[in-house]
Amino acid sequence: MSTPAQEESAQGGDLATQLAKLAELHTAGGLTDAEFAAAKARILGGKSTVSLRTLSQWAYMLTFGALWGYATFGYTIKNSDGSTDTGELFLWVIMALIGSTLIGLKNHRIRDGRMRARITLSDGAVLAAALVLIAVLPSFIGMVKGLVLLVLFSAYLLWYFRTLGTLQEA
């Protein structure tokens, strides 16, 4: 059975040596800043970190996609024998659960308390507005309802990513 020190040396030397080699490669132009940061994070923590922007993109894509899909296509599928299947409902629910969990994680990563509160309340407001629109607009205008939601989501995402840009610059 090998010890952690033996495993570490088998993987290319001690931590300081690995970091020094990585820094040399970065300085020589062999790695971009993002690649250097990801490789350094892997060496130090055993895993790479996901940027707040990427986490936000996935969170909103899944959450807004689930709401848009439900509003546009509904939750039933007509089978070839004429029966209906509610399989799409599970898809929308799972997407919304994963997306809303990611929204919570991304909001937790915002360090500025006032900005975190502002964005969290805005997330809740846009989701509540989407649910109201889904409930109020008649179901026979599915594509129109979907377009209304796309306008709402697009306006919100434009505001959010501009706010995120100013937050990261500060």
N, C-alpha and C. Protein backbone atom coordinates (compact mmCIF):
# COMPACT_ATOMS: atom_id res chain seq x y z
N MET A 1 0.85 -1.18 0.00
CA MET A 1 0.00 0.00 0.00
C MET A 1 0.89 1.23 0.00
N SER A 2 0.58 2.20 -0.87
CA SER A 2 1.41 3.39 -0.98
C SER A 2 0.92 4.49 -0.04
N THR A 3 1.84 5.32 0.36
CA THR A 3 1.52 6.45 1.23
C THR A 3 1.15 7.65 0.37
N PRO A 4 0.50 8.67 0.94
CA PRO A 4 0.17 9.86 0.15
C PRO A 4 1.42 10.53 -0.44
N ALA A 5 2.53 10.51 0.28
CA ALA A 5 3.75 11.13 -0.24
C ALA A 5 4.26 10.38 -1.47
N GLN A 6 4.17 9.02 -1.43
CA GLN A 6 4.60 8.23 -2.58
C GLN A 6 3.69 8.49 -3.78
N GLU A 7 2.37 8.60 -3.53
CA GLU A 7 1.43 8.87 -4.60
C GLU A 7 1.69 10.25 -5.20
N GLU A 8 2.00 11.22 -4.33
CA GLU A 8 2.28 12.57 -4.79
C GLU A 8 3.51 12.62 -5.66
N SER A 9 4.58 11.92 -5.25
CA SER A 9 5.81 11.93 -6.04
C SER A 9 5.61 11.14 -7.33
N ALA A 10 4.78 10.14 -7.32
CA ALA A 10 4.50 9.37 -8.53
C ALA A 10 3.71 10.21 -9.53
N GLN A 11 2.97 11.20 -9.05
CA GLN A 11 2.19 12.04 -9.93
C GLN A 11 2.98 13.23 -10.46
N GLY A 12 4.25 13.29 -10.21
CA GLY A 12 5.05 14.34 -10.80
C GLY A 12 5.74 15.24 -9.80
N GLY A 13 5.98 14.77 -8.61
CA GLY A 13 6.71 15.57 -7.64
C GLY A 13 5.81 16.18 -6.60
N ASP A 14 6.43 16.98 -5.76
CA ASP A 14 5.66 17.59 -4.68
C ASP A 14 4.84 18.76 -5.22
N LEU A 15 4.01 19.29 -4.39
CA LEU A 15 3.08 20.35 -4.75
C LEU A 15 3.81 21.60 -5.25
N ALA A 16 4.87 21.99 -4.56
CA ALA A 16 5.63 23.18 -4.96
C ALA A 16 6.23 23.03 -6.35
N THR A 17 6.74 21.85 -6.65
CA THR A 17 7.33 21.60 -7.97
C THR A 17 6.26 21.67 -9.06
N GLN A 18 5.12 21.05 -8.79
CA GLN A 18 4.03 21.08 -9.77
C GLN A 18 3.57 22.51 -10.04
N LEU A 19 3.45 23.30 -8.98
CA LEU A 19 3.02 24.69 -9.14
C LEU A 19 4.07 25.52 -9.87
N ALA A 20 5.35 25.26 -9.58
CA ALA A 20 6.42 25.99 -10.26
C ALA A 20 6.43 25.67 -11.76
N LYS A 21 6.27 24.39 -12.11
CA LYS A 21 6.22 24.00 -13.52
C LYS A 21 5.03 24.65 -14.22
N LEU A 22 3.91 24.69 -13.52
CA LEU A 22 2.71 25.29 -14.07
C LEU A 22 2.91 26.79 -14.29
N ALA A 23 3.53 27.46 -13.33
CA ALA A 23 3.79 28.90 -13.45
C ALA A 23 4.75 29.18 -14.60
N GLU A 24 5.76 28.34 -14.78
CA GLU A 24 6.70 28.51 -15.90
C GLU A 24 5.97 28.38 -17.23
N LEU A 25 5.11 27.38 -17.33
CA LEU A 25 4.37 27.16 -18.56
C LEU A 25 3.45 28.35 -18.86
N HIS A 26 2.83 28.89 -17.82
CA HIS A 26 1.96 30.05 -17.98
C HIS A 26 2.75 31.29 -18.40
N THR A 27 3.89 31.50 -17.76
CA THR A 27 4.74 32.65 -18.07
C THR A 27 5.27 32.56 -19.50
N ALA A 28 5.56 31.37 -19.95
CA ALA A 28 6.08 31.17 -21.31
C ALA A 28 4.99 31.30 -22.37
N GLY A 29 3.73 31.43 -21.93
CA GLY A 29 2.64 31.59 -22.88
C GLY A 29 1.99 30.29 -23.30
N GLY A 30 2.35 29.21 -22.63
CA GLY A 30 1.78 27.90 -22.97
C GLY A 30 0.37 27.70 -22.44
N LEU A 31 -0.04 28.55 -21.48
CA LEU A 31 -1.38 28.46 -20.91
C LEU A 31 -2.00 29.84 -20.85
N THR A 32 -3.30 29.90 -21.12
CA THR A 32 -4.01 31.16 -20.94
C THR A 32 -4.24 31.36 -19.44
N ASP A 33 -4.70 32.56 -19.07
CA ASP A 33 -4.99 32.82 -17.66
C ASP A 33 -6.05 31.87 -17.12
N ALA A 34 -7.08 31.61 -17.90
CA ALA A 34 -8.15 30.72 -17.46
C ALA A 34 -7.65 29.28 -17.30
N GLU A 35 -6.84 28.82 -18.26
CA GLU A 35 -6.29 27.47 -18.17
C GLU A 35 -5.36 27.35 -16.97
N PHE A 36 -4.56 28.39 -16.73
CA PHE A 36 -3.65 28.39 -15.58
C PHE A 36 -4.44 28.31 -14.27
N ALA A 37 -5.50 29.11 -14.15
CA ALA A 37 -6.30 29.12 -12.93
C ALA A 37 -6.97 27.76 -12.71
N ALA A 38 -7.48 27.16 -13.77
CA ALA A 38 -8.14 25.86 -13.64
C ALA A 38 -7.15 24.77 -13.25
N ALA A 39 -5.98 24.78 -13.87
CA ALA A 39 -4.96 23.77 -13.55
C ALA A 39 -4.45 23.94 -12.13
N LYS A 40 -4.25 25.18 -11.71
CA LYS A 40 -3.81 25.45 -10.35
C LYS A 40 -4.86 24.99 -9.33
N ALA A 41 -6.13 25.23 -9.63
CA ALA A 41 -7.20 24.79 -8.74
C ALA A 41 -7.24 23.27 -8.65
N ARG A 42 -7.01 22.59 -9.78
CA ARG A 42 -6.98 21.12 -9.76
C ARG A 42 -5.85 20.61 -8.89
N ILE A 43 -4.69 21.23 -9.01
CA ILE A 43 -3.53 20.79 -8.22
C ILE A 43 -3.77 21.05 -6.74
N LEU A 44 -4.26 22.23 -6.42
CA LEU A 44 -4.44 22.60 -5.02
C LEU A 44 -5.65 21.93 -4.37
N GLY A 45 -6.75 21.86 -5.10
CA GLY A 45 -7.96 21.35 -4.46
C GLY A 45 -8.47 20.06 -5.04
N GLY A 46 -7.84 19.58 -6.07
CA GLY A 46 -8.29 18.33 -6.66
C GLY A 46 -9.47 18.50 -7.59
N LYS A 47 -9.95 19.72 -7.79
CA LYS A 47 -11.07 19.95 -8.69
C LYS A 47 -10.98 21.36 -9.24
N SER A 48 -11.59 21.58 -10.39
CA SER A 48 -11.60 22.92 -10.96
C SER A 48 -12.85 23.65 -10.52
N THR A 49 -12.80 24.96 -10.53
CA THR A 49 -13.95 25.75 -10.11
C THR A 49 -14.73 26.21 -11.33
N VAL A 50 -16.01 26.41 -11.14
CA VAL A 50 -16.88 26.89 -12.19
C VAL A 50 -17.11 28.37 -11.94
N SER A 51 -16.98 29.18 -12.99
CA SER A 51 -17.16 30.62 -12.83
C SER A 51 -18.61 30.93 -12.51
N LEU A 52 -18.83 32.08 -11.90
CA LEU A 52 -20.18 32.53 -11.57
C LEU A 52 -20.99 32.73 -12.83
N ARG A 53 -20.35 33.20 -13.88
CA ARG A 53 -21.04 33.41 -15.16
C ARG A 53 -21.53 32.08 -15.75
N THR A 54 -20.68 31.08 -15.74
CA THR A 54 -21.07 29.76 -16.27
C THR A 54 -22.18 29.14 -15.43
N LEU A 55 -22.04 29.23 -14.12
CA LEU A 55 -23.06 28.71 -13.23
C LEU A 55 -24.39 29.41 -13.47
N SER A 56 -24.35 30.71 -13.66
CA SER A 56 -25.56 31.48 -13.93
C SER A 56 -26.20 31.06 -15.26
N GLN A 57 -25.38 30.87 -16.27
CA GLN A 57 -25.91 30.48 -17.58
C GLN A 57 -26.65 29.15 -17.49
N TRP A 58 -26.06 28.18 -16.82
CA TRP A 58 -26.71 26.88 -16.68
C TRP A 58 -27.98 26.98 -15.82
N ALA A 59 -27.91 27.75 -14.75
CA ALA A 59 -29.05 27.89 -13.86
C ALA A 59 -30.25 28.46 -14.59
N TYR A 60 -30.01 29.56 -15.31
CA TYR A 60 -31.12 30.21 -16.01
C TYR A 60 -31.58 29.40 -17.22
N MET A 61 -30.64 28.76 -17.92
CA MET A 61 -31.03 27.96 -19.07
C MET A 61 -31.98 26.83 -18.64
N LEU A 62 -31.66 26.16 -17.56
CA LEU A 62 -32.51 25.06 -17.11
C LEU A 62 -33.84 25.56 -16.54
N THR A 63 -33.81 26.58 -15.70
CA THR A 63 -35.04 27.07 -15.08
C THR A 63 -35.96 27.72 -16.10
N PHE A 64 -35.43 28.68 -16.85
CA PHE A 64 -36.26 29.36 -17.83
C PHE A 64 -36.67 28.40 -18.95
N GLY A 65 -35.79 27.48 -19.32
CA GLY A 65 -36.13 26.49 -20.33
C GLY A 65 -37.29 25.60 -19.91
N ALA A 66 -37.31 25.22 -18.64
CA ALA A 66 -38.41 24.40 -18.13
C ALA A 66 -39.72 25.16 -18.17
N LEU A 67 -39.71 26.41 -17.73
CA LEU A 67 -40.94 27.21 -17.74
C LEU A 67 -41.40 27.50 -19.16
N TRP A 68 -40.46 27.81 -20.05
CA TRP A 68 -40.81 28.08 -21.43
C TRP A 68 -41.36 26.81 -22.10
N GLY A 69 -40.72 25.68 -21.87
CA GLY A 69 -41.18 24.43 -22.46
C GLY A 69 -42.57 24.05 -21.99
N TYR A 70 -42.81 24.21 -20.70
CA TYR A 70 -44.13 23.89 -20.15
C TYR A 70 -45.18 24.82 -20.75
N ALA A 71 -44.88 26.12 -20.83
CA ALA A 71 -45.84 27.09 -21.35
C ALA A 71 -46.10 26.88 -22.84
N THR A 72 -45.08 26.52 -23.57
CA THR A 72 -45.21 26.40 -25.02
C THR A 72 -45.79 25.05 -25.45
N PHE A 73 -45.30 23.97 -24.85
CA PHE A 73 -45.68 22.64 -25.30
C PHE A 73 -46.61 21.89 -24.36
N GLY A 74 -46.81 22.40 -23.15
CA GLY A 74 -47.66 21.72 -22.19
C GLY A 74 -46.91 20.56 -21.54
N TYR A 75 -47.68 19.62 -21.02
CA TYR A 75 -47.04 18.52 -20.31
C TYR A 75 -47.50 17.15 -20.78
N THR A 76 -48.29 17.10 -21.82
CA THR A 76 -48.73 15.80 -22.32
C THR A 76 -48.24 15.57 -23.74
N ILE A 77 -48.04 14.31 -24.04
CA ILE A 77 -47.63 13.88 -25.37
C ILE A 77 -48.74 12.98 -25.90
N LYS A 78 -49.17 13.22 -27.12
CA LYS A 78 -50.16 12.33 -27.74
C LYS A 78 -49.44 11.16 -28.37
N ASN A 79 -49.81 9.98 -27.94
CA ASN A 79 -49.22 8.76 -28.49
C ASN A 79 -49.90 8.39 -29.80
N SER A 80 -49.30 7.48 -30.56
CA SER A 80 -49.84 7.08 -31.85
C SER A 80 -51.19 6.38 -31.73
N ASP A 81 -51.46 5.77 -30.58
CA ASP A 81 -52.75 5.09 -30.39
C ASP A 81 -53.84 6.03 -29.88
N GLY A 82 -53.54 7.34 -29.77
CA GLY A 82 -54.53 8.32 -29.35
C GLY A 82 -54.51 8.63 -27.86
N SER A 83 -53.80 7.82 -27.08
CA SER A 83 -53.72 8.08 -25.64
C SER A 83 -52.73 9.21 -25.37
N THR A 84 -52.78 9.72 -24.16
CA THR A 84 -51.84 10.78 -23.79
C THR A 84 -50.91 10.29 -22.69
N ASP A 85 -49.75 10.87 -22.68
CA ASP A 85 -48.71 10.51 -21.71
C ASP A 85 -48.21 11.80 -21.07
N THR A 86 -48.04 11.79 -19.76
CA THR A 86 -47.61 13.00 -19.05
C THR A 86 -46.09 13.03 -18.85
N GLY A 87 -45.35 12.35 -19.69
CA GLY A 87 -43.90 12.26 -19.55
C GLY A 87 -43.18 13.58 -19.60
N GLU A 88 -43.69 14.55 -20.38
CA GLU A 88 -43.02 15.84 -20.46
C GLU A 88 -43.05 16.59 -19.14
N LEU A 89 -44.09 16.37 -18.34
CA LEU A 89 -44.18 17.05 -17.05
C LEU A 89 -42.96 16.74 -16.19
N PHE A 90 -42.54 15.48 -16.19
CA PHE A 90 -41.37 15.09 -15.40
C PHE A 90 -40.11 15.78 -15.91
N LEU A 91 -40.00 15.92 -17.21
CA LEU A 91 -38.86 16.63 -17.79
C LEU A 91 -38.82 18.08 -17.31
N TRP A 92 -39.96 18.77 -17.38
CA TRP A 92 -40.00 20.17 -16.96
C TRP A 92 -39.72 20.31 -15.47
N VAL A 93 -40.27 19.41 -14.67
CA VAL A 93 -40.06 19.48 -13.21
C VAL A 93 -38.59 19.25 -12.86
N ILE A 94 -37.98 18.24 -13.46
CA ILE A 94 -36.57 17.95 -13.17
C ILE A 94 -35.67 19.11 -13.62
N MET A 95 -35.94 19.64 -14.81
CA MET A 95 -35.15 20.80 -15.26
C MET A 95 -35.30 21.98 -14.31
N ALA A 96 -36.54 22.25 -13.87
CA ALA A 96 -36.78 23.37 -12.97
C ALA A 96 -36.11 23.15 -11.61
N LEU A 97 -36.14 21.93 -11.10
CA LEU A 97 -35.50 21.65 -9.81
C LEU A 97 -33.99 21.83 -9.89
N ILE A 98 -33.38 21.29 -10.92
CA ILE A 98 -31.94 21.43 -11.07
C ILE A 98 -31.58 22.91 -11.28
N GLY A 99 -32.31 23.59 -12.14
CA GLY A 99 -32.05 25.00 -12.40
C GLY A 99 -32.22 25.87 -11.17
N SER A 100 -33.28 25.64 -10.40
CA SER A 100 -33.49 26.47 -9.21
C SER A 100 -32.44 26.18 -8.15
N THR A 101 -31.97 24.95 -8.07
CA THR A 101 -30.87 24.64 -7.15
C THR A 101 -29.60 25.38 -7.56
N LEU A 102 -29.32 25.41 -8.86
CA LEU A 102 -28.16 26.15 -9.35
C LEU A 102 -28.31 27.65 -9.13
N ILE A 103 -29.54 28.18 -9.23
CA ILE A 103 -29.77 29.60 -8.94
C ILE A 103 -29.41 29.88 -7.48
N GLY A 104 -29.84 28.99 -6.58
CA GLY A 104 -29.48 29.16 -5.17
C GLY A 104 -27.98 29.12 -4.95
N LEU A 105 -27.30 28.19 -5.62
CA LEU A 105 -25.84 28.10 -5.49
C LEU A 105 -25.14 29.33 -6.03
N LYS A 106 -25.60 29.82 -7.18
CA LYS A 106 -24.95 31.01 -7.75
C LYS A 106 -25.18 32.22 -6.87
N ASN A 107 -26.37 32.36 -6.31
CA ASN A 107 -26.64 33.49 -5.42
C ASN A 107 -25.80 33.40 -4.15
N HIS A 108 -25.57 32.19 -3.68
CA HIS A 108 -24.75 32.00 -2.48
C HIS A 108 -23.30 32.42 -2.73
N ARG A 109 -22.85 32.35 -3.97
CA ARG A 109 -21.45 32.71 -4.29
C ARG A 109 -21.23 34.21 -4.45
N ILE A 110 -22.29 35.00 -4.48
CA ILE A 110 -22.14 36.45 -4.58
C ILE A 110 -21.77 36.98 -3.20
N ARG A 111 -20.61 37.61 -3.10
CA ARG A 111 -20.09 38.02 -1.79
C ARG A 111 -20.75 39.28 -1.24
N ASP A 112 -21.07 40.23 -2.10
CA ASP A 112 -21.69 41.48 -1.67
C ASP A 112 -23.12 41.20 -1.21
N GLY A 113 -23.38 41.41 0.08
CA GLY A 113 -24.67 41.08 0.66
C GLY A 113 -25.84 41.83 0.05
N ARG A 114 -25.66 43.12 -0.21
CA ARG A 114 -26.74 43.91 -0.81
C ARG A 114 -27.03 43.44 -2.23
N MET A 115 -25.98 43.17 -2.99
CA MET A 115 -26.17 42.70 -4.36
C MET A 115 -26.80 41.31 -4.37
N ARG A 116 -26.38 40.46 -3.42
CA ARG A 116 -26.97 39.12 -3.33
C ARG A 116 -28.46 39.22 -3.06
N ALA A 117 -28.85 40.09 -2.13
CA ALA A 117 -30.27 40.26 -1.81
C ALA A 117 -31.03 40.80 -3.01
N ARG A 118 -30.45 41.76 -3.70
CA ARG A 118 -31.10 42.36 -4.87
C ARG A 118 -31.31 41.33 -5.98
N ILE A 119 -30.29 40.54 -6.25
CA ILE A 119 -30.40 39.54 -7.32
C ILE A 119 -31.34 38.41 -6.91
N THR A 120 -31.29 37.99 -5.65
CA THR A 120 -32.18 36.93 -5.20
C THR A 120 -33.64 37.36 -5.30
N LEU A 121 -33.93 38.58 -4.87
CA LEU A 121 -35.31 39.09 -4.99
C LEU A 121 -35.72 39.24 -6.46
N SER A 122 -34.79 39.66 -7.30
CA SER A 122 -35.09 39.78 -8.74
C SER A 122 -35.35 38.42 -9.36
N ASP A 123 -34.56 37.41 -8.96
CA ASP A 123 -34.80 36.05 -9.45
C ASP A 123 -36.21 35.60 -9.08
N GLY A 124 -36.57 35.82 -7.82
CA GLY A 124 -37.91 35.43 -7.36
C GLY A 124 -39.00 36.17 -8.10
N ALA A 125 -38.78 37.47 -8.34
CA ALA A 125 -39.80 38.28 -9.03
C ALA A 125 -40.00 37.82 -10.47
N VAL A 126 -38.91 37.54 -11.19
CA VAL A 126 -39.06 37.13 -12.59
C VAL A 126 -39.69 35.73 -12.67
N LEU A 127 -39.37 34.85 -11.74
CA LEU A 127 -40.00 33.52 -11.73
C LEU A 127 -41.47 33.62 -11.38
N ALA A 128 -41.82 34.48 -10.42
CA ALA A 128 -43.23 34.67 -10.06
C ALA A 128 -44.00 35.28 -11.24
N ALA A 129 -43.40 36.26 -11.92
CA ALA A 129 -44.05 36.87 -13.09
C ALA A 129 -44.27 35.83 -14.18
N ALA A 130 -43.29 34.96 -14.39
CA ALA A 130 -43.44 33.91 -15.41
C ALA A 130 -44.57 32.95 -15.05
N LEU A 131 -44.65 32.57 -13.79
CA LEU A 131 -45.73 31.66 -13.36
C LEU A 131 -47.10 32.31 -13.49
N VAL A 132 -47.19 33.60 -13.18
CA VAL A 132 -48.46 34.32 -13.35
C VAL A 132 -48.84 34.37 -14.82
N LEU A 133 -47.88 34.69 -15.69
CA LEU A 133 -48.17 34.72 -17.12
C LEU A 133 -48.61 33.36 -17.64
N ILE A 134 -47.97 32.31 -17.16
CA ILE A 134 -48.35 30.96 -17.60
C ILE A 134 -49.79 30.67 -17.16
N ALA A 135 -50.15 31.09 -15.96
CA ALA A 135 -51.50 30.82 -15.44
C ALA A 135 -52.55 31.69 -16.10
N VAL A 136 -52.23 32.94 -16.42
CA VAL A 136 -53.22 33.90 -16.90
C VAL A 136 -53.45 33.78 -18.40
N LEU A 137 -52.39 33.63 -19.17
CA LEU A 137 -52.56 33.54 -20.62
C LEU A 137 -53.21 32.21 -20.99
N PRO A 138 -54.17 32.22 -21.92
CA PRO A 138 -54.86 30.98 -22.27
C PRO A 138 -53.93 29.96 -22.92
N SER A 139 -54.21 28.70 -22.70
CA SER A 139 -53.32 27.63 -23.16
C SER A 139 -53.36 27.43 -24.67
N PHE A 140 -54.42 27.85 -25.34
CA PHE A 140 -54.48 27.64 -26.78
C PHE A 140 -53.52 28.55 -27.56
N ILE A 141 -52.93 29.51 -26.89
CA ILE A 141 -51.94 30.37 -27.56
C ILE A 141 -50.54 30.02 -27.09
N GLY A 142 -50.23 28.74 -27.07
CA GLY A 142 -48.96 28.24 -26.54
C GLY A 142 -47.73 28.94 -27.07
N MET A 143 -47.62 29.11 -28.39
CA MET A 143 -46.43 29.75 -28.95
C MET A 143 -46.36 31.22 -28.59
N VAL A 144 -47.51 31.89 -28.55
CA VAL A 144 -47.54 33.30 -28.15
C VAL A 144 -47.12 33.42 -26.69
N LYS A 145 -47.63 32.52 -25.87
CA LYS A 145 -47.26 32.51 -24.46
C LYS A 145 -45.75 32.29 -24.32
N GLY A 146 -45.20 31.40 -25.13
CA GLY A 146 -43.77 31.15 -25.13
C GLY A 146 -42.97 32.38 -25.53
N LEU A 147 -43.45 33.11 -26.53
CA LEU A 147 -42.77 34.32 -26.97
C LEU A 147 -42.81 35.41 -25.90
N VAL A 148 -43.95 35.55 -25.22
CA VAL A 148 -44.06 36.52 -24.12
C VAL A 148 -43.04 36.18 -23.04
N LEU A 149 -42.92 34.90 -22.71
CA LEU A 149 -41.95 34.48 -21.70
C LEU A 149 -40.52 34.73 -22.18
N LEU A 150 -40.25 34.49 -23.45
CA LEU A 150 -38.90 34.75 -23.98
C LEU A 150 -38.53 36.22 -23.87
N VAL A 151 -39.48 37.11 -24.10
CA VAL A 151 -39.20 38.54 -23.95
C VAL A 151 -38.90 38.86 -22.50
N LEU A 152 -39.70 38.33 -21.57
CA LEU A 152 -39.47 38.55 -20.14
C LEU A 152 -38.09 38.02 -19.73
N PHE A 153 -37.78 36.79 -20.13
CA PHE A 153 -36.51 36.17 -19.74
C PHE A 153 -35.33 36.92 -20.37
N SER A 154 -35.47 37.33 -21.64
CA SER A 154 -34.37 38.04 -22.31
C SER A 154 -34.07 39.36 -21.63
N ALA A 155 -35.12 40.10 -21.28
CA ALA A 155 -34.91 41.38 -20.59
C ALA A 155 -34.23 41.16 -19.25
N TYR A 156 -34.66 40.15 -18.53
CA TYR A 156 -34.06 39.87 -17.22
C TYR A 156 -32.60 39.45 -17.37
N LEU A 157 -32.31 38.56 -18.32
CA LEU A 157 -30.93 38.10 -18.50
C LEU A 157 -30.02 39.23 -18.93
N LEU A 158 -30.52 40.13 -19.76
CA LEU A 158 -29.72 41.29 -20.15
C LEU A 158 -29.36 42.11 -18.92
N TRP A 159 -30.33 42.38 -18.06
CA TRP A 159 -30.07 43.13 -16.83
C TRP A 159 -29.11 42.37 -15.92
N TYR A 160 -29.36 41.06 -15.75
CA TYR A 160 -28.55 40.28 -14.82
C TYR A 160 -27.08 40.23 -15.25
N PHE A 161 -26.81 39.93 -16.51
CA PHE A 161 -25.42 39.80 -16.94
C PHE A 161 -24.70 41.15 -16.99
N ARG A 162 -25.43 42.24 -17.23
CA ARG A 162 -24.81 43.56 -17.09
C ARG A 162 -24.46 43.83 -15.62
N THR A 163 -25.36 43.48 -14.72
CA THR A 163 -25.12 43.65 -13.29
C THR A 163 -23.95 42.78 -12.85
N LEU A 164 -23.90 41.54 -13.34
CA LEU A 164 -22.81 40.64 -13.01
C LEU A 164 -21.49 41.20 -13.50
N GLY A 165 -21.48 41.80 -14.69
CA GLY A 165 -20.26 42.41 -15.21
C GLY A 165 -19.75 43.53 -14.33
N THR A 166 -20.64 44.38 -13.86
CA THR A 166 -20.22 45.47 -12.97
C THR A 166 -19.80 44.93 -11.62
N LEU A 167 -20.41 43.85 -11.17
CA LEU A 167 -20.05 43.24 -9.90
C LEU A 167 -18.65 42.64 -9.96
N GLN A 168 -18.31 42.00 -11.08
CA GLN A 168 -17.00 41.37 -11.22
C GLN A 168 -15.90 42.39 -11.46
N GLU A 169 -16.24 43.57 -12.02
CA GLU A 169 -15.24 44.61 -12.24
C GLU A 169 -14.86 45.30 -10.94
N ALA A 170 -15.81 45.36 -10.00
CA ALA A 170 -15.56 46.07 -8.73
C ALA A 170 -14.59 45.32 -7.84
